[in-house]
C-alpha atoms as a PDB file:
ATOM      1  CA  MET A   1     -46.115  18.918  18.195  1.00  0.00           C
ATOM      2  CA  ALA A   2     -44.304  18.989  21.517  1.00  0.00           C
ATOM      3  CA  VAL A   3     -46.061  15.778  22.516  1.00  0.00           C
ATOM      4  CA  MET A   4     -45.064  14.124  19.224  1.00  0.00           C
ATOM      5  CA  ALA A   5     -41.442  15.228  19.664  1.00  0.00           C
ATOM      6  CA  GLU A   6     -41.342  13.798  23.176  1.00  0.00           C
ATOM      7  CA  LEU A   7     -42.867  10.529  22.000  1.00  0.00           C
ATOM      8  CA  ALA A   8     -40.279  10.340  19.231  1.00  0.00           C
ATOM      9  CA  ARG A   9     -37.453  10.821  21.718  1.00  0.00           C
ATOM     10  CA  ILE A  10     -38.832   8.114  24.058  1.00  0.00           C
ATOM     11  CA  LEU A  11     -39.494   5.621  21.273  1.00  0.00           C
ATOM     12  CA  VAL A  12     -36.097   5.989  19.625  1.00  0.00           C
ATOM     13  CA  ALA A  13     -34.204   5.861  22.932  1.00  0.00           C
ATOM     14  CA  LEU A  14     -36.069   2.789  24.133  1.00  0.00           C
ATOM     15  CA  ALA A  15     -35.745   0.977  20.835  1.00  0.00           C
ATOM     16  CA  LEU A  16     -31.988   1.577  20.728  1.00  0.00           C
ATOM     17  CA  ALA A  17     -31.591   0.492  24.357  1.00  0.00           C
ATOM     18  CA  GLY A  18     -33.733  -2.576  23.933  1.00  0.00           C
ATOM     19  CA  LEU A  19     -32.308  -3.836  20.676  1.00  0.00           C
ATOM     20  CA  GLY A  20     -28.723  -3.317  21.746  1.00  0.00           C
ATOM     21  CA  ALA A  21     -28.558  -6.375  23.994  1.00  0.00           C
ATOM     22  CA  ARG A  22     -28.099  -9.926  22.771  1.00  0.00           C
ATOM     23  CA  GLY A  23     -31.443 -11.694  22.505  1.00  0.00           C
ATOM     24  CA  GLN A  24     -33.394  -8.661  23.748  1.00  0.00           C
ATOM     25  CA  VAL A  25     -37.126  -9.233  23.381  1.00  0.00           C
ATOM     26  CA  ALA A  26     -38.779  -7.360  26.235  1.00  0.00           C
ATOM     27  CA  ARG A  27     -38.446  -4.878  29.025  1.00  0.00           C
ATOM     28  CA  THR A  28     -40.792  -3.049  31.419  1.00  0.00           C
ATOM     29  CA  ILE A  29     -40.867   0.741  31.165  1.00  0.00           C
ATOM     30  CA  GLU A  30     -42.701   3.613  32.841  1.00  0.00           C
ATOM     31  CA  ASP A  31     -44.140   6.436  30.757  1.00  0.00           C
ATOM     32  CA  ARG A  32     -46.165   9.301  32.273  1.00  0.00           C
ATOM     33  CA  GLY A  33     -46.890   7.315  35.426  1.00  0.00           C
ATOM     34  CA  THR A  34     -48.119   4.189  33.600  1.00  0.00           C
ATOM     35  CA  LEU A  35     -46.245   0.890  33.293  1.00  0.00           C
ATOM     36  CA  TYR A  36     -45.821  -0.807  29.924  1.00  0.00           C
ATOM     37  CA  ASN A  37     -44.219  -3.965  28.662  1.00  0.00           C
ATOM     38  CA  MET A  38     -42.207  -3.112  25.535  1.00  0.00           C
ATOM     39  CA  VAL A  39     -41.750  -6.102  23.250  1.00  0.00           C
ATOM     40  CA  PHE A  40     -39.366  -6.214  20.272  1.00  0.00           C
ATOM     41  CA  GLY A  41     -39.943  -8.376  17.201  1.00  0.00           C
ATOM     42  CA  TYR A  42     -43.494  -9.375  18.174  1.00  0.00           C
ATOM     43  CA  ALA A  43     -46.923  -7.973  17.286  1.00  0.00           C
ATOM     44  CA  LEU A  44     -50.658  -8.581  17.521  1.00  0.00           C
ATOM     45  CA  THR A  45     -51.348 -11.222  14.867  1.00  0.00           C
ATOM     46  CA  THR A  46     -54.908 -12.425  15.582  1.00  0.00           C
ATOM     47  CA  PRO A  47     -57.186 -10.187  13.434  1.00  0.00           C
ATOM     48  CA  ASP A  48     -60.079 -10.301  15.919  1.00  0.00           C
ATOM     49  CA  ASP A  49     -57.816  -8.822  18.594  1.00  0.00           C
ATOM     50  CA  TYR A  50     -57.035  -5.494  16.915  1.00  0.00           C
ATOM     51  CA  GLU A  51     -57.987  -2.672  14.564  1.00  0.00           C
ATOM     52  CA  SER A  52     -55.500  -1.639  11.902  1.00  0.00           C
ATOM     53  CA  VAL A  53     -54.739   1.730  10.303  1.00  0.00           C
ATOM     54  CA  ILE A  54     -51.674   3.163   8.554  1.00  0.00           C
ATOM     55  CA  THR A  55     -49.974   5.995  10.429  1.00  0.00           C
ATOM     56  CA  SER A  56     -47.239   8.372   9.312  1.00  0.00           C
ATOM     57  CA  SER A  57     -44.771   7.048  11.897  1.00  0.00           C
ATOM     58  CA  GLY A  58     -44.314   4.797  14.893  1.00  0.00           C
ATOM     59  CA  CYS A  59     -44.724   7.829  17.139  1.00  0.00           C
ATOM     60  CA  ALA A  60     -48.056   8.692  15.550  1.00  0.00           C
ATOM     61  CA  CYS A  61     -49.178   5.108  16.149  1.00  0.00           C
ATOM     62  CA  ARG A  62     -48.126   5.232  19.786  1.00  0.00           C
ATOM     63  CA  LEU A  63     -49.939   8.553  20.203  1.00  0.00           C
ATOM     64  CA  ARG A  64     -53.057   7.051  18.632  1.00  0.00           C
ATOM     65  CA  CYS A  65     -53.138   4.398  21.372  1.00  0.00           C
ATOM     66  CA  LEU A  66     -52.515   6.947  24.105  1.00  0.00           C
ATOM     67  CA  THR A  67     -55.460   9.063  22.923  1.00  0.00           C
ATOM     68  CA  LEU A  68     -57.907   6.149  22.513  1.00  0.00           C
ATOM     69  CA  ALA A  69     -59.599   5.452  25.855  1.00  0.00           C
ATOM     70  CA  SER A  70     -60.134   1.805  24.884  1.00  0.00           C
ATOM     71  CA  CYS A  71     -56.528   1.093  23.809  1.00  0.00           C
ATOM     72  CA  ARG A  72     -54.568  -1.178  26.152  1.00  0.00           C
ATOM     73  CA  SER A  73     -51.937  -2.442  23.714  1.00  0.00           C
ATOM     74  CA  VAL A  74     -50.536  -1.420  20.344  1.00  0.00           C
ATOM     75  CA  SER A  75     -48.220  -2.923  17.730  1.00  0.00           C
ATOM     76  CA  LEU A  76     -46.047  -0.798  15.451  1.00  0.00           C
ATOM     77  CA  VAL A  77     -45.433  -2.891  12.331  1.00  0.00           C
ATOM     78  CA  PRO A  78     -43.104  -1.537   9.609  1.00  0.00           C
ATOM     79  CA  LEU A  79     -44.396  -1.540   6.041  1.00  0.00           C
ATOM     80  CA  ASP A  80     -42.275  -3.509   3.596  1.00  0.00           C
ATOM     81  CA  GLY A  81     -40.564  -1.239   1.099  1.00  0.00           C
ATOM     82  CA  ASP A  82     -41.887   1.986   2.645  1.00  0.00           C
ATOM     83  CA  SER A  83     -39.109   4.564   2.912  1.00  0.00           C
ATOM     84  CA  ALA A  84     -41.306   7.256   4.450  1.00  0.00           C
ATOM     85  CA  GLY A  85     -41.353   5.635   7.912  1.00  0.00           C
ATOM     86  CA  ARG A  86     -45.056   4.790   7.877  1.00  0.00           C
ATOM     87  CA  VAL A  87     -46.237   1.826   9.950  1.00  0.00           C
ATOM     88  CA  GLU A  88     -49.260  -0.402  10.229  1.00  0.00           C
ATOM     89  CA  CYS A  89     -50.748   0.587  13.584  1.00  0.00           C
ATOM     90  CA  ARG A  90     -52.584  -2.258  15.314  1.00  0.00           C
ATOM     91  CA  THR A  91     -54.508  -1.112  18.393  1.00  0.00           C
ATOM     92  CA  SER A  92     -56.293  -3.422  20.819  1.00  0.00           C
ATOM     93  CA  GLY A  93     -58.588  -3.141  23.823  1.00  0.00           C
ATOM     94  CA  LYS A  94     -57.019  -6.277  25.270  1.00  0.00           C
ATOM     95  CA  PRO A  95     -56.446  -6.966  28.061  1.00  0.00           C
ATOM     96  CA  ILE A  96     -59.802  -5.584  29.195  1.00  0.00           C
ATOM     97  CA  ARG A  97     -58.867  -6.509  32.770  1.00  0.00           C
ATOM     98  CA  LEU A  98     -55.260  -5.561  33.489  1.00  0.00           C
ATOM     99  CA  LEU A  99     -55.111  -7.861  36.501  1.00  0.00           C
ATOM    100  CA  LYS A 100     -55.900 -10.937  34.358  1.00  0.00           C
ATOM    101  CA  LEU A 101     -52.769 -12.124  32.571  1.00  0.00           C
ATOM    102  CA  ASN A 102     -54.875 -14.671  30.666  1.00  0.00           C
ATOM    103  CA  ASP A 103     -56.735 -11.772  29.004  1.00  0.00           C
ATOM    104  CA  ARG A 104     -53.581 -10.573  27.280  1.00  0.00           C
ATOM    105  CA  PRO A 105     -53.608 -10.897  23.471  1.00  0.00           C
ATOM    106  CA  ARG A 106     -51.338 -13.392  21.723  1.00  0.00           C
ATOM    107  CA  LEU A 107     -48.210 -11.903  20.176  1.00  0.00           C
ATOM    108  CA  GLY A 108     -46.631 -13.537  17.136  1.00  0.00           C
ATOM    109  CA  LYS A 109     -43.100 -13.070  15.815  1.00  0.00           C
ATOM    110  CA  THR A 110     -43.045 -10.083  13.472  1.00  0.00           C
ATOM    111  CA  PRO A 111     -39.616  -8.825  12.287  1.00  0.00           C
ATOM    112  CA  GLY A 112     -39.033  -5.149  12.998  1.00  0.00           C
ATOM    113  CA  ALA A 113     -42.204  -4.669  15.048  1.00  0.00           C
ATOM    114  CA  VAL A 114     -42.431  -3.045  18.474  1.00  0.00           C
ATOM    115  CA  HIS A 115     -45.358  -3.764  20.797  1.00  0.00           C
ATOM    116  CA  PHE A 116     -46.488  -1.770  23.843  1.00  0.00           C
ATOM    117  CA  LEU A 117     -48.702  -3.452  26.431  1.00  0.00           C
ATOM    118  CA  GLU A 118     -50.184  -1.564  29.380  1.00  0.00           C
ATOM    119  CA  THR A 119     -49.436  -3.439  32.597  1.00  0.00           C
ATOM    120  CA  TYR A 120     -49.422  -3.026  36.362  1.00  0.00           C
ATOM    121  CA  ASP A 121     -46.866  -3.414  39.113  1.00  0.00           C
ATOM    122  CA  GLY A 122     -46.143  -7.016  40.093  1.00  0.00           C
ATOM    123  CA  ARG A 123     -43.580  -9.776  39.911  1.00  0.00           C
ATOM    124  CA  HIS A 124     -44.863 -10.855  36.473  1.00  0.00           C
ATOM    125  CA  ASN A 125     -42.963  -7.801  35.190  1.00  0.00           C
ATOM    126  CA  ASP A 126     -39.676  -9.287  36.405  1.00  0.00           C
ATOM    127  CA  ILE A 127     -39.171 -10.698  32.916  1.00  0.00           C
ATOM    128  CA  GLU A 128     -35.839 -11.667  31.438  1.00  0.00           C
ATOM    129  CA  ILE A 129     -34.662 -10.096  28.194  1.00  0.00           C
ATOM    130  CA  ASP A 130     -36.161 -13.000  26.206  1.00  0.00           C
ATOM    131  CA  GLY A 131     -39.644 -12.126  27.494  1.00  0.00           C
ATOM    132  CA  PHE A 132     -40.063 -15.029  29.938  1.00  0.00           C
ATOM    133  CA  ARG A 133     -39.750 -15.555  33.693  1.00  0.00           C
ATOM    134  CA  TYR A 134     -37.778 -18.500  35.104  1.00  0.00           C
ATOM    135  CA  VAL A 135     -38.305 -19.679  38.681  1.00  0.00           C
ATOM    136  CA  LYS A 136     -37.551 -22.693  40.828  1.00  0.00           C
ATOM    137  CA  SER A 137     -40.549 -24.925  41.512  1.00  0.00           C
ATOM    138  CA  SER A 138     -41.917 -25.018  45.046  1.00  0.00           C
ATOM    139  CA  SER A 139     -42.212 -28.819  44.862  1.00  0.00           C
ATOM    140  CA  ASP A 140     -40.929 -31.559  42.576  1.00  0.00           C
ATOM    141  CA  LYS A 141     -42.734 -30.394  39.416  1.00  0.00           C
ATOM    142  CA  CYS A 142     -44.045 -27.270  37.721  1.00  0.00           C
ATOM    143  CA  PHE A 143     -47.818 -26.973  37.957  1.00  0.00           C
ATOM    144  CA  GLN A 144     -49.334 -23.899  36.307  1.00  0.00           C
ATOM    145  CA  GLN A 145     -46.128 -23.172  34.410  1.00  0.00           C
ATOM    146  CA  ALA A 146     -44.218 -25.148  31.815  1.00  0.00           C
ATOM    147  CA  THR A 147     -41.026 -26.982  32.666  1.00  0.00           C
ATOM    148  CA  ALA A 148     -38.186 -25.028  31.078  1.00  0.00           C
ATOM    149  CA  LEU A 149     -37.457 -25.868  27.460  1.00  0.00           C
ATOM    150  CA  ILE A 150     -33.986 -24.570  26.597  1.00  0.00           C
ATOM    151  CA  ASN A 151     -33.990 -24.849  22.820  1.00  0.00           C
ATOM    152  CA  THR A 152     -31.917 -21.826  21.738  1.00  0.00           C
ATOM    153  CA  TRP A 153     -28.493 -20.471  22.641  1.00  0.00           C
ATOM    154  CA  ASP A 154     -30.014 -17.132  23.649  1.00  0.00           C
ATOM    155  CA  ARG A 155     -32.339 -18.872  26.121  1.00  0.00           C
ATOM    156  CA  PHE A 156     -29.470 -21.015  27.392  1.00  0.00           C
ATOM    157  CA  HIS A 157     -27.422 -17.876  28.190  1.00  0.00           C
ATOM    158  CA  VAL A 158     -30.421 -16.129  29.778  1.00  0.00           C
ATOM    159  CA  ILE A 159     -31.089 -19.097  32.049  1.00  0.00           C
ATOM    160  CA  ALA A 160     -27.410 -19.355  32.944  1.00  0.00           C
ATOM    161  CA  SER A 161     -27.565 -15.721  34.105  1.00  0.00           C
ATOM    162  CA  VAL A 162     -30.708 -16.531  36.153  1.00  0.00           C
ATOM    163  CA  PHE A 163     -28.826 -19.404  37.830  1.00  0.00           C
ATOM    164  CA  GLU A 164     -25.950 -17.067  38.702  1.00  0.00           C
ATOM    165  CA  ARG A 165     -28.198 -14.298  40.009  1.00  0.00           C
ATOM    166  CA  GLU A 166     -30.496 -16.551  42.050  1.00  0.00           C
ATOM    167  CA  ARG A 167     -27.651 -18.864  43.101  1.00  0.00           C
ATOM    168  CA  TYR A 168     -29.423 -21.977  41.889  1.00  0.00           C
ATOM    169  CA  LYS A 169     -27.236 -25.076  42.153  1.00  0.00           C
ATOM    170  CA  SER A 170     -29.035 -27.635  39.982  1.00  0.00           C
ATOM    171  CA  LEU A 171     -32.591 -27.914  38.682  1.00  0.00           C
ATOM    172  CA  LYS A 172     -34.430 -30.379  36.484  1.00  0.00           C
ATOM    173  CA  VAL A 173     -35.462 -29.228  33.010  1.00  0.00           C
ATOM    174  CA  GLY A 174     -37.856 -30.629  30.423  1.00  0.00           C
ATOM    175  CA  LEU A 175     -35.268 -32.842  28.703  1.00  0.00           C
ATOM    176  CA  SER A 176     -35.164 -36.630  28.839  1.00  0.00           C
ATOM    177  CA  HIS A 177     -34.774 -39.823  26.840  1.00  0.00           C
ATOM    178  CA  GLN A 178     -36.081 -43.348  27.119  1.00  0.00           C
ATOM    179  CA  ALA A 179     -33.685 -46.320  27.210  1.00  0.00           C
ATOM    180  CA  GLY A 180     -31.919 -46.277  23.859  1.00  0.00           C
ATOM    181  CA  GLY A 181     -34.169 -43.484  22.601  1.00  0.00           C
ATOM    182  CA  PRO A 182     -33.441 -39.968  21.305  1.00  0.00           C
ATOM    183  CA  LEU A 183     -33.171 -36.822  23.422  1.00  0.00           C
ATOM    184  CA  GLU A 184     -36.517 -35.019  23.650  1.00  0.00           C
ATOM    185  CA  TRP A 185     -37.871 -31.819  25.146  1.00  0.00           C
ATOM    186  CA  HIS A 186     -41.259 -32.075  26.885  1.00  0.00           C
ATOM    187  CA  ARG A 187     -43.713 -29.209  27.380  1.00  0.00           C
ATOM    188  CA  PHE A 188     -47.385 -29.497  28.390  1.00  0.00           C
ATOM    189  CA  GLY A 189     -47.572 -33.066  27.099  1.00  0.00           C
ATOM    190  CA  GLN A 190     -45.947 -32.217  23.773  1.00  0.00           C
ATOM    191  CA  VAL A 191     -42.671 -33.757  22.627  1.00  0.00           C
ATOM    192  CA  PHE A 192     -39.981 -31.897  20.651  1.00  0.00           C
ATOM    193  CA  PRO A 193     -36.840 -33.672  19.333  1.00  0.00           C
ATOM    194  CA  PHE A 194     -33.650 -32.145  20.733  1.00  0.00           C
ATOM    195  CA  THR A 195     -32.056 -32.202  17.267  1.00  0.00           C
ATOM    196  CA  ASN A 196     -34.758 -29.905  15.852  1.00  0.00           C
ATOM    197  CA  TYR A 197     -33.237 -26.902  17.592  1.00  0.00           C
ATOM    198  CA  GLU A 198     -29.963 -24.970  17.572  1.00  0.00           C
ATOM    199  CA  LEU A 199     -28.784 -26.054  21.032  1.00  0.00           C
ATOM    200  CA  ASN A 200     -26.439 -29.002  20.533  1.00  0.00           C
ATOM    201  CA  MET A 201     -24.584 -31.811  22.282  1.00  0.00           C
ATOM    202  CA  THR A 202     -21.667 -29.609  23.376  1.00  0.00           C
ATOM    203  CA  VAL A 203     -23.656 -28.731  26.523  1.00  0.00           C
ATOM    204  CA  VAL A 204     -25.004 -32.261  27.148  1.00  0.00           C
ATOM    205  CA  ASP A 205     -23.413 -34.699  29.595  1.00  0.00           C
ATOM    206  CA  ASP A 206     -25.409 -37.920  29.246  1.00  0.00           C
ATOM    207  CA  ARG A 207     -24.136 -40.186  32.020  1.00  0.00           C
ATOM    208  CA  LYS A 208     -26.774 -42.901  31.479  1.00  0.00           C
ATOM    209  CA  PRO A 209     -27.099 -43.239  27.681  1.00  0.00           C
ATOM    210  CA  GLY A 210     -28.582 -46.740  27.833  1.00  0.00           C
ATOM    211  CA  GLU A 211     -31.235 -45.905  30.443  1.00  0.00           C
ATOM    212  CA  SER A 212     -34.370 -43.806  30.724  1.00  0.00           C
ATOM    213  CA  VAL A 213     -33.132 -40.575  32.261  1.00  0.00           C
ATOM    214  CA  THR A 214     -34.224 -37.029  33.121  1.00  0.00           C
ATOM    215  CA  PHE A 215     -31.776 -34.148  32.684  1.00  0.00           C
ATOM    216  CA  TYR A 216     -30.939 -31.259  34.957  1.00  0.00           C
ATOM    217  CA  LEU A 217     -28.950 -28.057  34.526  1.00  0.00           C
ATOM    218  CA  GLU A 218     -25.889 -27.496  36.688  1.00  0.00           C
ATOM    219  CA  LYS A 219     -22.686 -25.473  36.593  1.00  0.00           C
ATOM    220  CA  VAL A 220     -19.658 -27.772  36.469  1.00  0.00           C
ATOM    221  CA  GLU A 221     -16.189 -26.201  36.562  1.00  0.00           C
ATOM    222  CA  ASN A 222     -17.424 -22.807  35.330  1.00  0.00           C
ATOM    223  CA  GLU A 223     -19.502 -24.366  32.540  1.00  0.00           C
ATOM    224  CA  PHE A 224     -23.244 -24.947  32.511  1.00  0.00           C
ATOM    225  CA  LEU A 225     -24.228 -28.439  31.392  1.00  0.00           C
ATOM    226  CA  LEU A 226     -27.397 -30.448  30.853  1.00  0.00           C
ATOM    227  CA  ILE A 227     -26.675 -33.586  32.840  1.00  0.00           C
ATOM    228  CA  GLY A 228     -28.478 -36.897  32.518  1.00  0.00           C
ATOM    229  CA  ASP A 229     -28.010 -38.830  35.757  1.00  0.00           C
ATOM    230  CA  ASN A 230     -30.982 -40.159  37.752  1.00  0.00           C
ATOM    231  CA  GLU A 231     -28.785 -41.009  40.727  1.00  0.00           C
ATOM    232  CA  ASN A 232     -28.113 -37.326  41.430  1.00  0.00           C
ATOM    233  CA  LEU A 233     -31.402 -35.853  40.251  1.00  0.00           C
ATOM    234  CA  PRO A 234     -32.370 -32.662  42.147  1.00  0.00           C
ATOM    235  CA  ASN A 235     -35.800 -32.482  43.791  1.00  0.00           C
ATOM    236  CA  LYS A 236     -36.768 -29.123  42.245  1.00  0.00           C
ATOM    237  CA  THR A 237     -37.498 -28.090  38.649  1.00  0.00           C
ATOM    238  CA  LEU A 238     -36.843 -24.971  36.585  1.00  0.00           C
ATOM    239  CA  CYS A 239     -40.218 -23.539  35.489  1.00  0.00           C
ATOM    240  CA  MET A 240     -40.931 -20.873  32.907  1.00  0.00           C
ATOM    241  CA  PHE A 241     -43.759 -18.338  32.762  1.00  0.00           C
ATOM    242  CA  ASN A 242     -45.006 -16.711  29.551  1.00  0.00           C
ATOM    243  CA  PRO A 243     -46.563 -13.506  30.956  1.00  0.00           C
ATOM    244  CA  LEU A 244     -46.452 -11.675  27.609  1.00  0.00           C
ATOM    245  CA  ASN A 245     -48.397 -14.463  25.847  1.00  0.00           C
ATOM    246  CA  LEU A 246     -45.731 -14.893  23.166  1.00  0.00           C
ATOM    247  CA  VAL A 247     -46.243 -17.459  20.424  1.00  0.00           C
ATOM    248  CA  TRP A 248     -43.116 -19.627  20.537  1.00  0.00           C
ATOM    249  CA  LYS A 249     -41.770 -23.163  20.151  1.00  0.00           C
END
């Protein structure tokens, strides 16, 4: 019972801390000498990746994972209409190899869920509150990572804070348009219309509307803008990592 009480205290405190910040999706925590990624609003969604049981509470689910030698990650999914606090407890042996980020299970958006993923010390844990890492490319383009796609206001504010913290001046992003064509985001060869997302033209400064142009992010007079101007294009790009393997668009 003492263990359950302690787990309850940790889970409630972390959930309140994590969900209190705007756009909070993830954080890295330490519990009993082991590192975990704690992910809010996402869960294991591929049936082959997990086993599912109903537990009396989120704490009981977390304890189930801690006591199973094969459990490396667990999702606590609330039951619709259940007032007793029971959850669907999805436990997984993935990742089998902690050092292989590609072995991590896919996590899909699941309202109200909390996911715990065992991890290890490393820079991949330097995730922003939206669950991603944003870094400046070492050369002109991003190679193993995607060029940043800034399609929501939450992501826009997160990246602005990264620029301030890392003192980035200007970096290319995955936004462009052809001569006379619409604004489009590009990611791994896929194209996404700018108008399909909540970010809007109030942060766009298109200086070459009649030309084919690539956009970059820069702070201009205390305001961050997406600027389309090939004549002043920076030689580095903003790249984004997805170390938690989140399903997103």
